[in-house]
Amino acid sequence: MTNDPRALFVRALDQTQQLVDTTGPDDLVLPTPCDEYDVRTLLGHLLTVVARIDLALNGGDPLTIPVVTTGVDDVPAAWKERRVALDATLADDAVLGRTCRLPWGTLPGAAAIAAYTGELTTHSWDLAKATGRLDELDDALATQVLPMVRQFVPAEQRGGHVPFAPVVPVADDAVPYDQLAGWQGRRP
């Protein structure tokens, strides 16, 4: 299938998981490029993201899960548990055509997977930036995700159902992650 976003999504999941697994307890209080999140809160949001996409891909309402998962002592273990469930969901080819209700609209499964690929890739940058590990990011992933994000996240009318700050201009020749971060309203 030529429009199957699962392989790219799995790369974003793998990158996120590697960063989650290697985030230390001293990192939890560090600020992130997401103004309202420290690293602890960002990790809680990442737990929500992985649960929300699985729920949406299975026909559930992702808005029943809070934006930030709290009260988790072992985030890497919780992530892996949620990842196992999501991987099982992704293994079913029917997931690509399934109708998914997302916080910002109703989309086919393939489009929902693509949208969450952008979210995970961006939040991986947030976590890597906060913890000083930008060198651990997969630049090719950002290169592939950037055009999708630019297509699906409008530059104008930010706020409300488009939960991003205004686009932060970056040089056309900036590294892909800086371009992605700027498009998503972050300051690289």
Foldseek 3Di string as FASTA:
>chain_A
DVLACVVLLVVLLVLLLVLLVPDDPVQQQFCWLPRVHGNVQLLQQVLLLLQLLLQQLVPHESVVGDNGHDDDPRSSVSSVVSVVSSVVSSVDPCSQQPWGQDLLGIDRSSLSSLVSSLVSLLSSCRSCVRVVNPVSHDLVSLVVNVVVCPVPQDQPDDDDSNPAAHQADDDPPDRSNCNSCRSRHGHD
